[in-house]
Amino acid sequence: MKVVFKYSTKFKKYTVTAVGAAISALIGASSLGVGAAVAASVSAALVQQIINEHIKVLYYTDKVYYKTVIPPKKGMFRQKVAEKDIFYMYKNSARTKSVKGSPKTVYHYKKGYKK
């Protein structure tokens, strides 16, 4: 299953820490739960590029792919066990000018589930 979300983030401060925290927040969350979310590391090159080019608003598209398993018993719902998020980051709202270091891919797995 694939879902696409489109967002933008406005930066108030141009420090590596502030921009890194904002990007980490957007790519570090997972609908698989806090225990299953992996701490997403943001490349310093991507953050530095945003600061160097004075990008005030970061536009991004999140393409989300889900993997589910067939339930063991009849009448049970399918369970989501894995998620793949691909974040495409852009300098403009038309999403035609990519930010250097984009796209960024993050994987999330339910605890106990193997790749």
PDB file of N, CA and C in Angstrom:
ATOM      1  N   MET A   1       0.841  -1.160   0.000  1.00  0.00           N
ATOM      2  CA  MET A   1       0.000   0.000   0.000  1.00  0.00           C
ATOM      3  C   MET A   1       0.894   1.234   0.000  1.00  0.00           C
ATOM      4  N   LYS A   2       0.517   2.254  -0.761  1.00  0.00           N
ATOM      5  CA  LYS A   2       1.303   3.480  -0.854  1.00  0.00           C
ATOM      6  C   LYS A   2       0.402   4.671  -0.570  1.00  0.00           C
ATOM      7  N   VAL A   3       0.895   5.610   0.246  1.00  0.00           N
ATOM      8  CA  VAL A   3       0.180   6.838   0.561  1.00  0.00           C
ATOM      9  C   VAL A   3       1.153   7.987   0.350  1.00  0.00           C
ATOM     10  N   VAL A   4       0.675   9.117  -0.183  1.00  0.00           N
ATOM     11  CA  VAL A   4       1.536  10.270  -0.424  1.00  0.00           C
ATOM     12  C   VAL A   4       0.999  11.471   0.352  1.00  0.00           C
ATOM     13  N   PHE A   5       1.886  12.130   1.110  1.00  0.00           N
ATOM     14  CA  PHE A   5       1.535  13.327   1.865  1.00  0.00           C
ATOM     15  C   PHE A   5       2.407  14.477   1.389  1.00  0.00           C
ATOM     16  N   LYS A   6       1.861  15.692   1.349  1.00  0.00           N
ATOM     17  CA  LYS A   6       2.637  16.875   0.970  1.00  0.00           C
ATOM     18  C   LYS A   6       2.563  17.893   2.095  1.00  0.00           C
ATOM     19  N   TYR A   7       3.741  18.409   2.497  1.00  0.00           N
ATOM     20  CA  TYR A   7       3.842  19.337   3.612  1.00  0.00           C
ATOM     21  C   TYR A   7       4.837  20.448   3.295  1.00  0.00           C
ATOM     22  N   SER A   8       4.898  21.428   4.202  1.00  0.00           N
ATOM     23  CA  SER A   8       5.971  22.412   4.171  1.00  0.00           C
ATOM     24  C   SER A   8       6.313  22.767   5.609  1.00  0.00           C
ATOM     25  N   THR A   9       7.566  23.161   5.813  1.00  0.00           N
ATOM     26  CA  THR A   9       8.037  23.532   7.138  1.00  0.00           C
ATOM     27  C   THR A   9       8.717  24.884   7.043  1.00  0.00           C
ATOM     28  N   LYS A  10       8.328  25.825   7.898  1.00  0.00           N
ATOM     29  CA  LYS A  10       8.931  27.150   7.922  1.00  0.00           C
ATOM     30  C   LYS A  10       9.964  27.167   9.040  1.00  0.00           C
ATOM     31  N   PHE A  11      11.181  27.611   8.715  1.00  0.00           N
ATOM     32  CA  PHE A  11      12.257  27.686   9.695  1.00  0.00           C
ATOM     33  C   PHE A  11      12.345  29.098  10.245  1.00  0.00           C
ATOM     34  N   LYS A  12      12.366  29.217  11.572  1.00  0.00           N
ATOM     35  CA  LYS A  12      12.459  30.529  12.205  1.00  0.00           C
ATOM     36  C   LYS A  12      13.903  30.898  12.498  1.00  0.00           C
ATOM     37  N   LYS A  13      14.746  29.914  12.769  1.00  0.00           N
ATOM     38  CA  LYS A  13      16.155  30.167  13.059  1.00  0.00           C
ATOM     39  C   LYS A  13      16.991  29.374  12.071  1.00  0.00           C
ATOM     40  N   TYR A  14      18.117  29.945  11.689  1.00  0.00           N
ATOM     41  CA  TYR A  14      18.992  29.281  10.736  1.00  0.00           C
ATOM     42  C   TYR A  14      20.226  28.725  11.429  1.00  0.00           C
ATOM     43  N   THR A  15      20.028  27.829  12.349  1.00  0.00           N
ATOM     44  CA  THR A  15      21.151  27.159  12.992  1.00  0.00           C
ATOM     45  C   THR A  15      21.077  25.689  12.623  1.00  0.00           C
ATOM     46  N   VAL A  16      22.213  25.058  12.598  1.00  0.00           N
ATOM     47  CA  VAL A  16      22.253  23.629  12.270  1.00  0.00           C
ATOM     48  C   VAL A  16      21.383  22.850  13.246  1.00  0.00           C
ATOM     49  N   THR A  17      21.432  23.219  14.507  1.00  0.00           N
ATOM     50  CA  THR A  17      20.655  22.513  15.528  1.00  0.00           C
ATOM     51  C   THR A  17      19.162  22.646  15.282  1.00  0.00           C
ATOM     52  N   ALA A  18      18.702  23.877  15.004  1.00  0.00           N
ATOM     53  CA  ALA A  18      17.266  24.107  14.799  1.00  0.00           C
ATOM     54  C   ALA A  18      16.763  23.397  13.553  1.00  0.00           C
ATOM     55  N   VAL A  19      17.480  23.517  12.450  1.00  0.00           N
ATOM     56  CA  VAL A  19      17.054  22.880  11.205  1.00  0.00           C
ATOM     57  C   VAL A  19      17.141  21.363  11.337  1.00  0.00           C
ATOM     58  N   GLY A  20      18.210  20.879  11.951  1.00  0.00           N
ATOM     59  CA  GLY A  20      18.355  19.431  12.158  1.00  0.00           C
ATOM     60  C   GLY A  20      17.237  18.862  13.003  1.00  0.00           C
ATOM     61  N   ALA A  21      16.852  19.583  14.064  1.00  0.00           N
ATOM     62  CA  ALA A  21      15.758  19.128  14.926  1.00  0.00           C
ATOM     63  C   ALA A  21      14.438  19.092  14.166  1.00  0.00           C
ATOM     64  N   ALA A  22      14.175  20.113  13.345  1.00  0.00           N
ATOM     65  CA  ALA A  22      12.928  20.158  12.574  1.00  0.00           C
ATOM     66  C   ALA A  22      12.857  19.002  11.586  1.00  0.00           C
ATOM     67  N   ILE A  23      13.945  18.738  10.891  1.00  0.00           N
ATOM     68  CA  ILE A  23      13.951  17.655   9.904  1.00  0.00           C
ATOM     69  C   ILE A  23      13.892  16.300  10.606  1.00  0.00           C
ATOM     70  N   SER A  24      14.610  16.147  11.711  1.00  0.00           N
ATOM     71  CA  SER A  24      14.561  14.888  12.460  1.00  0.00           C
ATOM     72  C   SER A  24      13.147  14.595  12.935  1.00  0.00           C
ATOM     73  N   ALA A  25      12.436  15.639  13.364  1.00  0.00           N
ATOM     74  CA  ALA A  25      11.060  15.448  13.826  1.00  0.00           C
ATOM     75  C   ALA A  25      10.169  14.965  12.696  1.00  0.00           C
ATOM     76  N   LEU A  26      10.349  15.514  11.491  1.00  0.00           N
ATOM     77  CA  LEU A  26       9.455  15.112  10.404  1.00  0.00           C
ATOM     78  C   LEU A  26       9.769  13.733   9.872  1.00  0.00           C
ATOM     79  N   ILE A  27      11.035  13.286   9.933  1.00  0.00           N
ATOM     80  CA  ILE A  27      11.323  11.959   9.396  1.00  0.00           C
ATOM     81  C   ILE A  27      11.508  10.899  10.477  1.00  0.00           C
ATOM     82  N   GLY A  28      11.450  11.288  11.747  1.00  0.00           N
ATOM     83  CA  GLY A  28      11.669  10.332  12.817  1.00  0.00           C
ATOM     84  C   GLY A  28      10.410   9.694  13.356  1.00  0.00           C
ATOM     85  N   ALA A  29       9.257  10.218  13.006  1.00  0.00           N
ATOM     86  CA  ALA A  29       7.998   9.676  13.535  1.00  0.00           C
ATOM     87  C   ALA A  29       7.578   8.442  12.744  1.00  0.00           C
ATOM     88  N   SER A  30       6.889   7.538  13.420  1.00  0.00           N
ATOM     89  CA  SER A  30       6.381   6.339  12.755  1.00  0.00           C
ATOM     90  C   SER A  30       5.028   5.976  13.329  1.00  0.00           C
ATOM     91  N   SER A  31       4.136   5.587  12.468  1.00  0.00           N
ATOM     92  CA  SER A  31       2.820   5.160  12.935  1.00  0.00           C
ATOM     93  C   SER A  31       2.863   3.749  13.521  1.00  0.00           C
ATOM     94  N   LEU A  32       4.030   3.126  13.542  1.00  0.00           N
ATOM     95  CA  LEU A  32       4.170   1.801  14.140  1.00  0.00           C
ATOM     96  C   LEU A  32       4.346   1.888  15.649  1.00  0.00           C
ATOM     97  N   GLY A  33       4.408   3.084  16.199  1.00  0.00           N
ATOM     98  CA  GLY A  33       4.525   3.252  17.642  1.00  0.00           C
ATOM     99  C   GLY A  33       5.903   3.701  18.054  1.00  0.00           C
ATOM    100  N   VAL A  34       5.962   4.283  19.226  1.00  0.00           N
ATOM    101  CA  VAL A  34       7.222   4.822  19.729  1.00  0.00           C
ATOM    102  C   VAL A  34       8.289   3.749  19.837  1.00  0.00           C
ATOM    103  N   GLY A  35       7.920   2.565  20.303  1.00  0.00           N
ATOM    104  CA  GLY A  35       8.895   1.494  20.456  1.00  0.00           C
ATOM    105  C   GLY A  35       9.482   1.024  19.141  1.00  0.00           C
ATOM    106  N   ALA A  36       8.732   1.169  18.059  1.00  0.00           N
ATOM    107  CA  ALA A  36       9.197   0.686  16.766  1.00  0.00           C
ATOM    108  C   ALA A  36       9.911   1.757  15.958  1.00  0.00           C
ATOM    109  N   ALA A  37       9.749   3.006  16.342  1.00  0.00           N
ATOM    110  CA  ALA A  37      10.371   4.096  15.576  1.00  0.00           C
ATOM    111  C   ALA A  37      11.878   4.069  15.762  1.00  0.00           C
ATOM    112  N   VAL A  38      12.584   4.231  14.681  1.00  0.00           N
ATOM    113  CA  VAL A  38      14.035   4.316  14.769  1.00  0.00           C
ATOM    114  C   VAL A  38      14.438   5.778  14.789  1.00  0.00           C
ATOM    115  N   ALA A  39      15.498   6.082  15.494  1.00  0.00           N
ATOM    116  CA  ALA A  39      15.973   7.462  15.529  1.00  0.00           C
ATOM    117  C   ALA A  39      16.573   7.764  14.162  1.00  0.00           C
ATOM    118  N   ALA A  40      15.944   8.676  13.443  1.00  0.00           N
ATOM    119  CA  ALA A  40      16.394   9.002  12.087  1.00  0.00           C
ATOM    120  C   ALA A  40      17.537   9.999  12.147  1.00  0.00           C
ATOM    121  N   SER A  41      18.620   9.666  11.495  1.00  0.00           N
ATOM    122  CA  SER A  41      19.740  10.598  11.466  1.00  0.00           C
ATOM    123  C   SER A  41      19.644  11.431  10.199  1.00  0.00           C
ATOM    124  N   VAL A  42      19.804  12.718  10.375  1.00  0.00           N
ATOM    125  CA  VAL A  42      19.734  13.633   9.240  1.00  0.00           C
ATOM    126  C   VAL A  42      21.163  13.950   8.835  1.00  0.00           C
ATOM    127  N   SER A  43      21.447  13.829   7.550  1.00  0.00           N
ATOM    128  CA  SER A  43      22.810  14.085   7.101  1.00  0.00           C
ATOM    129  C   SER A  43      23.159  15.552   7.285  1.00  0.00           C
ATOM    130  N   ALA A  44      24.364  15.810   7.745  1.00  0.00           N
ATOM    131  CA  ALA A  44      24.824  17.184   7.964  1.00  0.00           C
ATOM    132  C   ALA A  44      24.835  17.956   6.648  1.00  0.00           C
ATOM    133  N   ALA A  45      25.087  17.273   5.557  1.00  0.00           N
ATOM    134  CA  ALA A  45      25.124  17.947   4.251  1.00  0.00           C
ATOM    135  C   ALA A  45      23.763  18.526   3.890  1.00  0.00           C
ATOM    136  N   LEU A  46      22.689  17.782   4.173  1.00  0.00           N
ATOM    137  CA  LEU A  46      21.336  18.257   3.870  1.00  0.00           C
ATOM    138  C   LEU A  46      21.010  19.483   4.708  1.00  0.00           C
ATOM    139  N   VAL A  47      21.279  19.414   6.009  1.00  0.00           N
ATOM    140  CA  VAL A  47      21.006  20.540   6.903  1.00  0.00           C
ATOM    141  C   VAL A  47      21.841  21.752   6.507  1.00  0.00           C
ATOM    142  N   GLN A  48      23.122  21.533   6.233  1.00  0.00           N
ATOM    143  CA  GLN A  48      24.005  22.642   5.857  1.00  0.00           C
ATOM    144  C   GLN A  48      23.550  23.286   4.551  1.00  0.00           C
ATOM    145  N   GLN A  49      23.066  22.496   3.615  1.00  0.00           N
ATOM    146  CA  GLN A  49      22.568  23.019   2.337  1.00  0.00           C
ATOM    147  C   GLN A  49      21.390  23.962   2.569  1.00  0.00           C
ATOM    148  N   ILE A  50      20.486  23.589   3.450  1.00  0.00           N
ATOM    149  CA  ILE A  50      19.319  24.426   3.755  1.00  0.00           C
ATOM    150  C   ILE A  50      19.771  25.756   4.341  1.00  0.00           C
ATOM    151  N   ILE A  51      20.747  25.709   5.227  1.00  0.00           N
ATOM    152  CA  ILE A  51      21.249  26.931   5.853  1.00  0.00           C
ATOM    153  C   ILE A  51      22.027  27.778   4.847  1.00  0.00           C
ATOM    154  N   ASN A  52      22.916  27.165   4.071  1.00  0.00           N
ATOM    155  CA  ASN A  52      23.731  27.893   3.100  1.00  0.00           C
ATOM    156  C   ASN A  52      22.891  28.626   2.064  1.00  0.00           C
ATOM    157  N   GLU A  53      21.793  28.010   1.650  1.00  0.00           N
ATOM    158  CA  GLU A  53      20.963  28.622   0.611  1.00  0.00           C
ATOM    159  C   GLU A  53      19.844  29.474   1.199  1.00  0.00           C
ATOM    160  N   HIS A  54      19.856  29.661   2.514  1.00  0.00           N
ATOM    161  CA  HIS A  54      18.854  30.502   3.189  1.00  0.00           C
ATOM    162  C   HIS A  54      17.432  30.080   2.826  1.00  0.00           C
ATOM    163  N   ILE A  55      17.200  28.796   2.839  1.00  0.00           N
ATOM    164  CA  ILE A  55      15.873  28.276   2.526  1.00  0.00           C
ATOM    165  C   ILE A  55      14.982  28.525   3.734  1.00  0.00           C
ATOM    166  N   LYS A  56      13.989  29.403   3.582  1.00  0.00           N
ATOM    167  CA  LYS A  56      13.114  29.764   4.696  1.00  0.00           C
ATOM    168  C   LYS A  56      11.974  28.768   4.861  1.00  0.00           C
ATOM    169  N   VAL A  57      11.535  28.195   3.756  1.00  0.00           N
ATOM    170  CA  VAL A  57      10.456  27.204   3.809  1.00  0.00           C
ATOM    171  C   VAL A  57      10.929  25.973   3.059  1.00  0.00           C
ATOM    172  N   LEU A  58      10.810  24.826   3.701  1.00  0.00           N
ATOM    173  CA  LEU A  58      11.180  23.559   3.076  1.00  0.00           C
ATOM    174  C   LEU A  58       9.889  22.841   2.706  1.00  0.00           C
ATOM    175  N   TYR A  59       9.729  22.548   1.435  1.00  0.00           N
ATOM    176  CA  TYR A  59       8.559  21.806   0.971  1.00  0.00           C
ATOM    177  C   TYR A  59       8.985  20.350   0.842  1.00  0.00           C
ATOM    178  N   TYR A  60       8.146  19.452   1.303  1.00  0.00           N
ATOM    179  CA  TYR A  60       8.523  18.054   1.196  1.00  0.00           C
ATOM    180  C   TYR A  60       7.312  17.173   0.928  1.00  0.00           C
ATOM    181  N   THR A  61       7.600  16.068   0.281  1.00  0.00           N
ATOM    182  CA  THR A  61       6.594  15.060  -0.031  1.00  0.00           C
ATOM    183  C   THR A  61       7.042  13.773   0.636  1.00  0.00           C
ATOM    184  N   ASP A  62       6.124  13.128   1.317  1.00  0.00           N
ATOM    185  CA  ASP A  62       6.404  11.884   2.018  1.00  0.00           C
ATOM    186  C   ASP A  62       5.634  10.768   1.330  1.00  0.00           C
ATOM    187  N   LYS A  63       6.359   9.869   0.694  1.00  0.00           N
ATOM    188  CA  LYS A  63       5.728   8.693   0.082  1.00  0.00           C
ATOM    189  C   LYS A  63       5.893   7.555   1.081  1.00  0.00           C
ATOM    190  N   VAL A  64       4.768   7.009   1.532  1.00  0.00           N
ATOM    191  CA  VAL A  64       4.774   5.992   2.573  1.00  0.00           C
ATOM    192  C   VAL A  64       4.320   4.655   1.997  1.00  0.00           C
ATOM    193  N   TYR A  65       5.111   3.625   2.254  1.00  0.00           N
ATOM    194  CA  TYR A  65       4.778   2.273   1.821  1.00  0.00           C
ATOM    195  C   TYR A  65       4.613   1.419   3.074  1.00  0.00           C
ATOM    196  N   TYR A  66       3.565   0.594   3.116  1.00  0.00           N
ATOM    197  CA  TYR A  66       3.283  -0.254   4.267  1.00  0.00           C
ATOM    198  C   TYR A  66       3.394  -1.725   3.888  1.00  0.00           C
ATOM    199  N   LYS A  67       3.828  -2.524   4.834  1.00  0.00           N
ATOM    200  CA  LYS A  67       3.819  -3.972   4.649  1.00  0.00           C
ATOM    201  C   LYS A  67       2.960  -4.548   5.764  1.00  0.00           C
ATOM    202  N   THR A  68       2.015  -5.382   5.396  1.00  0.00           N
ATOM    203  CA  THR A  68       1.138  -6.006   6.385  1.00  0.00           C
ATOM    204  C   THR A  68       1.283  -7.522   6.308  1.00  0.00           C
ATOM    205  N   VAL A  69       0.830  -8.192   7.361  1.00  0.00           N
ATOM    206  CA  VAL A  69       0.854  -9.656   7.367  1.00  0.00           C
ATOM    207  C   VAL A  69      -0.570 -10.181   7.475  1.00  0.00           C
ATOM    208  N   ILE A  70      -0.767 -11.357   6.932  1.00  0.00           N
ATOM    209  CA  ILE A  70      -2.081 -12.000   6.995  1.00  0.00           C
ATOM    210  C   ILE A  70      -2.302 -12.465   8.433  1.00  0.00           C
ATOM    211  N   PRO A  71      -3.477 -12.179   8.991  1.00  0.00           N
ATOM    212  CA  PRO A  71      -3.729 -12.564  10.387  1.00  0.00           C
ATOM    213  C   PRO A  71      -3.749 -14.081  10.563  1.00  0.00           C
ATOM    214  N   PRO A  72      -3.319 -14.548  11.756  1.00  0.00           N
ATOM    215  CA  PRO A  72      -3.265 -15.993  12.000  1.00  0.00           C
ATOM    216  C   PRO A  72      -4.641 -16.649  12.142  1.00  0.00           C
ATOM    217  N   LYS A  73      -5.656 -15.856  12.515  1.00  0.00           N
ATOM    218  CA  LYS A  73      -6.993 -16.419  12.715  1.00  0.00           C
ATOM    219  C   LYS A  73      -8.020 -15.666  11.884  1.00  0.00           C
ATOM    220  N   LYS A  74      -9.037 -16.376  11.432  1.00  0.00           N
ATOM    221  CA  LYS A  74     -10.121 -15.777  10.669  1.00  0.00           C
ATOM    222  C   LYS A  74     -10.831 -14.718  11.526  1.00  0.00           C
ATOM    223  N   GLY A  75     -11.159 -13.599  10.914  1.00  0.00           N
ATOM    224  CA  GLY A  75     -11.846 -12.533  11.627  1.00  0.00           C
ATOM    225  C   GLY A  75     -10.909 -11.490  12.216  1.00  0.00           C
ATOM    226  N   MET A  76      -9.614 -11.753  12.176  1.00  0.00           N
ATOM    227  CA  MET A  76      -8.647 -10.771  12.683  1.00  0.00           C
ATOM    228  C   MET A  76      -8.246  -9.828  11.548  1.00  0.00           C
ATOM    229  N   PHE A  77      -7.830  -8.637  11.907  1.00  0.00           N
ATOM    230  CA  PHE A  77      -7.401  -7.658  10.912  1.00  0.00           C
ATOM    231  C   PHE A  77      -5.937  -7.863  10.540  1.00  0.00           C
ATOM    232  N   ARG A  78      -5.598  -7.425   9.323  1.00  0.00           N
ATOM    233  CA  ARG A  78      -4.195  -7.450   8.910  1.00  0.00           C
ATOM    234  C   ARG A  78      -3.415  -6.492   9.800  1.00  0.00           C
ATOM    235  N   GLN A  79      -2.192  -6.826  10.108  1.00  0.00           N
ATOM    236  CA  GLN A  79      -1.375  -6.001  10.979  1.00  0.00           C
ATOM    237  C   GLN A  79      -0.212  -5.411  10.188  1.00  0.00           C
ATOM    238  N   LYS A  80       0.008  -4.110  10.383  1.00  0.00           N
ATOM    239  CA  LYS A  80       1.129  -3.445   9.719  1.00  0.00           C
ATOM    240  C   LYS A  80       2.401  -3.779  10.490  1.00  0.00           C
ATOM    241  N   VAL A  81       3.418  -4.304   9.782  1.00  0.00           N
ATOM    242  CA  VAL A  81       4.654  -4.708  10.433  1.00  0.00           C
ATOM    243  C   VAL A  81       5.872  -3.912   9.958  1.00  0.00           C
ATOM    244  N   ALA A  82       5.729  -3.217   8.845  1.00  0.00           N
ATOM    245  CA  ALA A  82       6.865  -2.447   8.340  1.00  0.00           C
ATOM    246  C   ALA A  82       6.359  -1.226   7.583  1.00  0.00           C
ATOM    247  N   GLU A  83       7.201  -0.197   7.596  1.00  0.00           N
ATOM    248  CA  GLU A  83       6.865   1.045   6.902  1.00  0.00           C
ATOM    249  C   GLU A  83       8.135   1.604   6.278  1.00  0.00           C
ATOM    250  N   LYS A  84       8.013   2.098   5.062  1.00  0.00           N
ATOM    251  CA  LYS A  84       9.129   2.737   4.361  1.00  0.00           C
ATOM    252  C   LYS A  84       8.661   4.138   3.982  1.00  0.00           C
ATOM    253  N   ASP A  85       9.380   5.148   4.450  1.00  0.00           N
ATOM    254  CA  ASP A  85       9.054   6.533   4.124  1.00  0.00           C
ATOM    255  C   ASP A  85      10.160   7.101   3.240  1.00  0.00           C
ATOM    256  N   ILE A  86       9.777   7.675   2.112  1.00  0.00           N
ATOM    257  CA  ILE A  86      10.733   8.350   1.245  1.00  0.00           C
ATOM    258  C   ILE A  86      10.358   9.831   1.252  1.00  0.00           C
ATOM    259  N   PHE A  87      11.262  10.668   1.792  1.00  0.00           N
ATOM    260  CA  PHE A  87      11.023  12.102   1.894  1.00  0.00           C
ATOM    261  C   PHE A  87      11.763  12.822   0.776  1.00  0.00           C
ATOM    262  N   TYR A  88      11.007  13.495  -0.082  1.00  0.00           N
ATOM    263  CA  TYR A  88      11.559  14.318  -1.141  1.00  0.00           C
ATOM    264  C   TYR A  88      11.455  15.770  -0.667  1.00  0.00           C
ATOM    265  N   MET A  89      12.584  16.504  -0.636  1.00  0.00           N
ATOM    266  CA  MET A  89      12.592  17.866  -0.120  1.00  0.00           C
ATOM    267  C   MET A  89      12.899  18.852  -1.235  1.00  0.00           C
ATOM    268  N   TYR A  90      12.139  19.965  -1.234  1.00  0.00           N
ATOM    269  CA  TYR A  90      12.223  20.941  -2.313  1.00  0.00           C
ATOM    270  C   TYR A  90      12.362  22.355  -1.779  1.00  0.00           C
ATOM    271  N   LYS A  91      12.917  23.230  -2.626  1.00  0.00           N
ATOM    272  CA  LYS A  91      13.082  24.642  -2.298  1.00  0.00           C
ATOM    273  C   LYS A  91      11.847  25.458  -2.647  1.00  0.00           C
ATOM    274  N   ASN A  92      10.991  24.934  -3.523  1.00  0.00           N
ATOM    275  CA  ASN A  92       9.833  25.716  -3.980  1.00  0.00           C
ATOM    276  C   ASN A  92       8.540  24.908  -3.869  1.00  0.00           C
ATOM    277  N   SER A  93       7.427  25.626  -3.811  1.00  0.00           N
ATOM    278  CA  SER A  93       6.126  24.970  -3.630  1.00  0.00           C
ATOM    279  C   SER A  93       5.707  24.139  -4.845  1.00  0.00           C
ATOM    280  N   ALA A  94       6.265  24.434  -6.008  1.00  0.00           N
ATOM    281  CA  ALA A  94       5.958  23.644  -7.205  1.00  0.00           C
ATOM    282  C   ALA A  94       6.673  22.286  -7.166  1.00  0.00           C
ATOM    283  N   ARG A  95       7.579  22.148  -6.213  1.00  0.00           N
ATOM    284  CA  ARG A  95       8.355  20.913  -6.026  1.00  0.00           C
ATOM    285  C   ARG A  95       9.135  20.527  -7.284  1.00  0.00           C
ATOM    286  N   THR A  96       9.820  21.529  -7.834  1.00  0.00           N
ATOM    287  CA  THR A  96      10.639  21.294  -9.019  1.00  0.00           C
ATOM    288  C   THR A  96      12.127  21.474  -8.730  1.00  0.00           C
ATOM    289  N   LYS A  97      12.483  22.147  -7.620  1.00  0.00           N
ATOM    290  CA  LYS A  97      13.883  22.390  -7.261  1.00  0.00           C
ATOM    291  C   LYS A  97      14.228  21.595  -6.006  1.00  0.00           C
ATOM    292  N   SER A  98      14.883  20.459  -6.201  1.00  0.00           N
ATOM    293  CA  SER A  98      15.228  19.586  -5.074  1.00  0.00           C
ATOM    294  C   SER A  98      16.344  20.180  -4.221  1.00  0.00           C
ATOM    295  N   VAL A  99      16.305  19.868  -2.942  1.00  0.00           N
ATOM    296  CA  VAL A  99      17.368  20.234  -2.023  1.00  0.00           C
ATOM    297  C   VAL A  99      18.439  19.162  -2.140  1.00  0.00           C
ATOM    298  N   LYS A 100      19.702  19.579  -2.170  1.00  0.00           N
ATOM    299  CA  LYS A 100      20.808  18.624  -2.257  1.00  0.00           C
ATOM    300  C   LYS A 100      20.717  17.667  -1.072  1.00  0.00           C
ATOM    301  N   GLY A 101      20.848  16.375  -1.310  1.00  0.00           N
ATOM    302  CA  GLY A 101      20.728  15.367  -0.254  1.00  0.00           C
ATOM    303  C   GLY A 101      19.357  14.718  -0.209  1.00  0.00           C
ATOM    304  N   SER A 102      18.456  15.178  -1.055  1.00  0.00           N
ATOM    305  CA  SER A 102      17.107  14.617  -1.132  1.00  0.00           C
ATOM    306  C   SER A 102      17.083  13.613  -2.279  1.00  0.00           C
ATOM    307  N   PRO A 103      16.363  12.531  -2.173  1.00  0.00           N
ATOM    308  CA  PRO A 103      15.431  12.094  -1.145  1.00  0.00           C
ATOM    309  C   PRO A 103      16.152  11.406   0.015  1.00  0.00           C
ATOM    310  N   LYS A 104      15.437  11.281   1.116  1.00  0.00           N
ATOM    311  CA  LYS A 104      15.911  10.607   2.330  1.00  0.00           C
ATOM    312  C   LYS A 104      14.934   9.472   2.614  1.00  0.00           C
ATOM    313  N   THR A 105      15.450   8.248   2.783  1.00  0.00           N
ATOM    314  CA  THR A 105      14.594   7.086   3.028  1.00  0.00           C
ATOM    315  C   THR A 105      14.783   6.590   4.453  1.00  0.00           C
ATOM    316  N   VAL A 106      13.659   6.316   5.116  1.00  0.00           N
ATOM    317  CA  VAL A 106      13.674   5.836   6.503  1.00  0.00           C
ATOM    318  C   VAL A 106      12.804   4.586   6.568  1.00  0.00           C
ATOM    319  N   TYR A 107      13.293   3.561   7.282  1.00  0.00           N
ATOM    320  CA  TYR A 107      12.554   2.314   7.465  1.00  0.00           C
ATOM    321  C   TYR A 107      12.159   2.175   8.932  1.00  0.00           C
ATOM    322  N   HIS A 108      10.969   1.646   9.174  1.00  0.00           N
ATOM    323  CA  HIS A 108      10.484   1.370  10.512  1.00  0.00           C
ATOM    324  C   HIS A 108       9.973  -0.076  10.520  1.00  0.00           C
ATOM    325  N   TYR A 109      10.333  -0.821  11.550  1.00  0.00           N
ATOM    326  CA  TYR A 109       9.862  -2.208  11.675  1.00  0.00           C
ATOM    327  C   TYR A 109       9.236  -2.406  13.036  1.00  0.00           C
ATOM    328  N   LYS A 110       8.166  -3.147  13.073  1.00  0.00           N
ATOM    329  CA  LYS A 110       7.535  -3.492  14.350  1.00  0.00           C
ATOM    330  C   LYS A 110       8.504  -4.360  15.139  1.00  0.00           C
ATOM    331  N   LYS A 111       8.519  -4.163  16.452  1.00  0.00           N
ATOM    332  CA  LYS A 111       9.428  -4.919  17.311  1.00  0.00           C
ATOM    333  C   LYS A 111       9.218  -6.422  17.083  1.00  0.00           C
ATOM    334  N   GLY A 112      10.316  -7.126  16.864  1.00  0.00           N
ATOM    335  CA  GLY A 112      10.247  -8.567  16.653  1.00  0.00           C
ATOM    336  C   GLY A 112      10.098  -8.975  15.196  1.00  0.00           C
ATOM    337  N   TYR A 113       9.835  -8.003  14.312  1.00  0.00           N
ATOM    338  CA  TYR A 113       9.677  -8.327  12.903  1.00  0.00           C
ATOM    339  C   TYR A 113      11.013  -8.160  12.198  1.00  0.00           C
ATOM    340  N   LYS A 114      11.368  -9.137  11.407  1.00  0.00           N
ATOM    341  CA  LYS A 114      12.631  -9.093  10.656  1.00  0.00           C
ATOM    342  C   LYS A 114      12.367  -8.622   9.241  1.00  0.00           C
ATOM    343  N   LYS A 115      13.372  -8.057   8.625  1.00  0.00           N
ATOM    344  CA  LYS A 115      13.271  -7.564   7.252  1.00  0.00           C
ATOM    345  C   LYS A 115      12.904  -8.671   6.307  1.00  0.00           C
TER     346      LYS A 115
END
